[in-house]
Amino acid sequence: MKTLRILFSFLFIVSIVTGAQAQSKAGKAALENIHQRKSVRTYSDKKIPDNVMTELLRAAMAAPTGMNVQPWHFIVLTDTSQYDRIFAGNFNMRMFKESAAVVILCADTTYMRPTRDNPNGPAVLQINRIWRDDMGACTENFLLACEAYGLGACWTACYPFPDRMNSIKETLNLPPTVVPYSVVPVGYPRLNEKPKDKWKPEKIHYGRW
């Protein structure tokens, strides 16, 4: 009986240590992925499998969102023959056409929900004033997922520039309340690009500025 107790105690300790090591490795992997993320602007001609694109979009949709509104919508483009029309005048055209896919991350700037002063009442159309915050987090999640899959991506600005937004809204028939927020070309990197070191301790303030 004493031997069994010792054995169980030993196995319990081993399980705790093993679990802690696994969590430590997972944490290090997550941090490494964050620090390795970089803007990639040159791509090979290798295609992105459909299941990988699905996982990238699942990661994007896992972003935090105010009041759980989840304003995001995604347009995945792969037909480069349409890019001159969709992205008319955009100086990132070379990058778009070289990538395996271009993902336009859009936001519905409204939502349907009962008002706060009448939570059990009917759903009414309301303005979402924090959709920009949600879409920033959503885009970053998408970029980190690309890095995790060995893909290169580059966040190119769309909102709030009318010349970039309008051609997308018109050519792709976006609803009036939907705004194209960011345009992200994605593909397998052609070059061995490295992340920038952005660590600046002087930008950290404790207690006060």
Protein backbone atom coordinates (compact mmCIF):
# COMPACT_ATOMS: atom_id res chain seq x y z
CA MET A 1 0.00 0.00 0.00
CA LYS A 2 2.83 2.37 0.90
CA THR A 3 4.52 1.57 -2.41
CA LEU A 4 1.33 2.41 -4.31
CA ARG A 5 1.03 5.75 -2.51
CA ILE A 6 4.60 6.60 -3.40
CA LEU A 7 3.99 5.56 -7.02
CA PHE A 8 0.81 7.65 -7.30
CA SER A 9 2.55 10.63 -5.71
CA PHE A 10 5.41 10.28 -8.16
CA LEU A 11 3.04 10.07 -11.14
CA PHE A 12 1.12 13.10 -9.87
CA ILE A 13 4.30 15.16 -9.61
CA VAL A 14 5.41 14.03 -13.07
CA SER A 15 2.03 15.04 -14.54
CA ILE A 16 2.28 18.51 -12.97
CA VAL A 17 5.83 19.03 -14.23
CA THR A 18 4.96 17.75 -17.70
CA GLY A 19 1.89 19.98 -17.86
CA ALA A 20 3.90 23.00 -16.76
CA GLN A 21 6.55 22.27 -19.39
CA ALA A 22 3.90 21.93 -22.09
CA GLN A 23 2.31 25.23 -21.06
CA SER A 24 5.72 26.88 -21.04
CA LYS A 25 6.47 25.62 -24.56
CA ALA A 26 3.07 26.77 -25.79
CA GLY A 27 3.61 30.20 -24.26
CA LYS A 28 7.05 30.53 -25.81
CA ALA A 29 5.69 29.45 -29.20
CA ALA A 30 2.92 32.07 -29.02
CA LEU A 31 5.36 34.84 -28.08
CA GLU A 32 7.82 33.76 -30.76
CA ASN A 33 5.05 33.94 -33.35
CA ILE A 34 4.21 37.49 -32.23
CA HIS A 35 7.84 38.61 -32.40
CA GLN A 36 8.44 36.93 -35.78
CA ARG A 37 5.49 38.64 -37.48
CA LYS A 38 6.64 40.92 -40.24
CA SER A 39 5.27 42.73 -43.30
CA VAL A 40 6.00 40.55 -46.33
CA ARG A 41 5.70 42.19 -49.74
CA THR A 42 7.13 39.59 -52.14
CA TYR A 43 5.54 36.19 -52.74
CA SER A 44 6.12 32.93 -54.56
CA ASP A 45 3.55 31.47 -56.96
CA LYS A 46 2.51 28.75 -54.50
CA LYS A 47 -1.23 28.64 -53.82
CA ILE A 48 -2.83 28.72 -50.37
CA PRO A 49 -4.88 25.58 -49.62
CA ASP A 50 -8.55 26.26 -48.90
CA ASN A 51 -8.35 24.69 -45.45
CA VAL A 52 -5.47 26.98 -44.50
CA MET A 53 -7.39 30.08 -45.60
CA THR A 54 -10.32 28.88 -43.50
CA GLU A 55 -8.08 28.63 -40.45
CA LEU A 56 -6.73 32.14 -41.07
CA LEU A 57 -10.26 33.50 -41.12
CA ARG A 58 -11.24 31.51 -38.03
CA ALA A 59 -8.32 33.14 -36.20
CA ALA A 60 -9.41 36.58 -37.41
CA MET A 61 -12.92 35.99 -36.08
CA ALA A 62 -11.52 35.00 -32.68
CA ALA A 63 -10.52 38.64 -32.03
CA PRO A 64 -12.02 40.59 -29.13
CA THR A 65 -15.09 42.60 -30.05
CA GLY A 66 -17.04 45.23 -28.12
CA MET A 67 -20.41 43.94 -26.86
CA ASN A 68 -19.74 40.81 -28.96
CA VAL A 69 -21.07 42.62 -32.03
CA GLN A 70 -18.53 40.89 -34.34
CA PRO A 71 -18.79 43.50 -37.12
CA TRP A 72 -16.35 41.79 -39.47
CA HIS A 73 -16.90 40.46 -42.97
CA PHE A 74 -14.24 39.12 -45.32
CA ILE A 75 -13.86 39.22 -49.09
CA VAL A 76 -11.26 36.73 -50.37
CA LEU A 77 -9.96 37.51 -53.85
CA THR A 78 -7.77 35.34 -56.08
CA ASP A 79 -8.68 36.49 -59.62
CA THR A 80 -5.92 38.97 -60.42
CA SER A 81 -7.60 40.00 -63.67
CA GLN A 82 -10.15 41.93 -61.56
CA TYR A 83 -7.62 43.82 -59.44
CA ASP A 84 -7.14 46.80 -61.77
CA ARG A 85 -10.85 47.49 -61.42
CA ILE A 86 -11.22 46.73 -57.71
CA PHE A 87 -8.06 48.52 -56.57
CA ALA A 88 -7.99 51.27 -59.19
CA GLY A 89 -5.06 53.62 -58.57
CA ASN A 90 -3.77 51.74 -55.51
CA PHE A 91 0.04 51.89 -55.42
CA ASN A 92 0.15 48.41 -53.83
CA MET A 93 -1.05 46.80 -57.08
CA ARG A 94 2.20 44.90 -57.75
CA MET A 95 2.03 43.33 -54.32
CA PHE A 96 -1.64 42.43 -54.76
CA LYS A 97 -1.08 40.74 -58.12
CA GLU A 98 1.95 38.80 -56.90
CA SER A 99 0.19 37.43 -53.81
CA ALA A 100 -1.78 34.17 -53.76
CA ALA A 101 -4.84 35.94 -52.35
CA VAL A 102 -5.98 39.36 -51.26
CA VAL A 103 -8.29 39.52 -48.25
CA ILE A 104 -10.40 42.62 -47.71
CA LEU A 105 -11.44 42.91 -44.07
CA CYS A 106 -14.69 44.86 -43.83
CA ALA A 107 -16.87 46.12 -40.99
CA ASP A 108 -20.59 46.64 -40.70
CA THR A 109 -20.79 49.96 -38.87
CA THR A 110 -24.28 49.20 -37.52
CA TYR A 111 -25.90 46.39 -35.57
CA MET A 112 -29.35 45.20 -34.54
CA ARG A 113 -29.97 44.80 -30.82
CA PRO A 114 -32.36 45.96 -28.09
CA THR A 115 -31.26 49.23 -26.56
CA ARG A 116 -29.56 49.24 -23.16
CA ASP A 117 -32.42 51.11 -21.53
CA ASN A 118 -34.87 48.50 -22.86
CA PRO A 119 -32.94 45.19 -22.96
CA ASN A 120 -36.10 43.10 -23.34
CA GLY A 121 -37.51 45.26 -26.10
CA PRO A 122 -37.33 44.81 -29.87
CA ALA A 123 -34.03 44.85 -31.74
CA VAL A 124 -33.36 48.23 -33.33
CA LEU A 125 -30.70 49.49 -35.72
CA GLN A 126 -27.83 51.14 -33.85
CA ILE A 127 -24.53 52.77 -34.78
CA ASN A 128 -21.43 50.80 -33.77
CA ARG A 129 -18.97 53.43 -32.54
CA ILE A 130 -16.13 51.01 -31.75
CA TRP A 131 -15.96 48.97 -34.96
CA ARG A 132 -12.50 50.40 -35.73
CA ASP A 133 -11.10 48.89 -32.53
CA ASP A 134 -12.63 45.51 -33.36
CA MET A 135 -11.24 45.56 -36.89
CA GLY A 136 -7.74 46.45 -35.72
CA ALA A 137 -7.73 43.40 -33.45
CA CYS A 138 -9.28 41.28 -36.19
CA THR A 139 -6.62 42.29 -38.72
CA GLU A 140 -3.81 41.62 -36.25
CA ASN A 141 -5.21 38.15 -35.48
CA PHE A 142 -5.27 37.44 -39.20
CA LEU A 143 -1.64 38.54 -39.60
CA LEU A 144 -0.49 36.42 -36.66
CA ALA A 145 -2.28 33.38 -38.09
CA CYS A 146 -0.51 33.96 -41.42
CA GLU A 147 2.83 33.99 -39.59
CA ALA A 148 1.94 30.78 -37.74
CA TYR A 149 1.25 29.02 -41.06
CA GLY A 150 4.50 30.17 -42.63
CA LEU A 151 2.72 32.68 -44.84
CA GLY A 152 3.68 36.24 -45.57
CA ALA A 153 1.17 39.08 -45.36
CA CYS A 154 1.11 42.86 -45.36
CA TRP A 155 -1.50 45.12 -43.77
CA THR A 156 -2.26 47.85 -46.30
CA ALA A 157 -4.47 50.73 -45.29
CA CYS A 158 -7.90 51.21 -46.79
CA TYR A 159 -10.07 53.07 -44.25
CA PRO A 160 -10.23 56.08 -43.94
CA PHE A 161 -8.95 56.92 -47.44
CA PRO A 162 -11.90 57.58 -49.78
CA ASP A 163 -9.95 56.87 -52.98
CA ARG A 164 -9.14 53.32 -51.76
CA MET A 165 -12.49 52.66 -50.13
CA ASN A 166 -14.78 53.89 -52.89
CA SER A 167 -13.49 51.67 -55.69
CA ILE A 168 -13.86 48.61 -53.46
CA LYS A 169 -17.34 49.58 -52.28
CA GLU A 170 -18.55 50.26 -55.82
CA THR A 171 -16.98 47.33 -57.69
CA LEU A 172 -17.78 44.72 -55.02
CA ASN A 173 -21.26 46.05 -54.19
CA LEU A 174 -20.72 46.52 -50.47
CA PRO A 175 -23.87 47.46 -48.53
CA PRO A 176 -24.09 51.14 -47.56
CA THR A 177 -23.26 50.48 -43.89
CA VAL A 178 -20.24 48.25 -44.65
CA VAL A 179 -16.76 49.81 -44.75
CA PRO A 180 -13.62 48.17 -46.22
CA TYR A 181 -11.16 48.57 -43.35
CA SER A 182 -7.92 46.87 -44.42
CA VAL A 183 -6.58 45.07 -47.48
CA VAL A 184 -4.15 42.22 -46.81
CA PRO A 185 -2.25 40.43 -49.59
CA VAL A 186 -1.23 36.92 -48.49
CA GLY A 187 1.16 34.38 -49.97
CA TYR A 188 4.19 32.21 -49.33
CA PRO A 189 7.27 34.44 -48.97
CA ARG A 190 9.68 34.55 -51.91
CA LEU A 191 12.47 36.14 -49.88
CA ASN A 192 13.77 35.54 -46.37
CA GLU A 193 12.40 38.72 -44.81
CA LYS A 194 13.08 39.44 -41.14
CA PRO A 195 10.96 41.18 -38.48
CA LYS A 196 11.95 44.64 -37.25
CA ASP A 197 13.11 45.07 -33.65
CA LYS A 198 10.58 47.54 -32.24
CA TRP A 199 11.48 47.16 -28.55
CA LYS A 200 11.98 50.63 -27.04
CA PRO A 201 12.10 50.66 -23.22
CA GLU A 202 11.96 54.47 -23.22
CA LYS A 203 8.35 54.27 -24.37
CA ILE A 204 7.28 52.51 -21.16
CA HIS A 205 5.93 54.64 -18.31
CA TYR A 206 5.17 53.32 -14.83
CA GLY A 207 2.79 55.16 -12.55
CA ARG A 208 2.85 58.38 -14.59
CA TRP A 209 4.32 59.82 -17.80
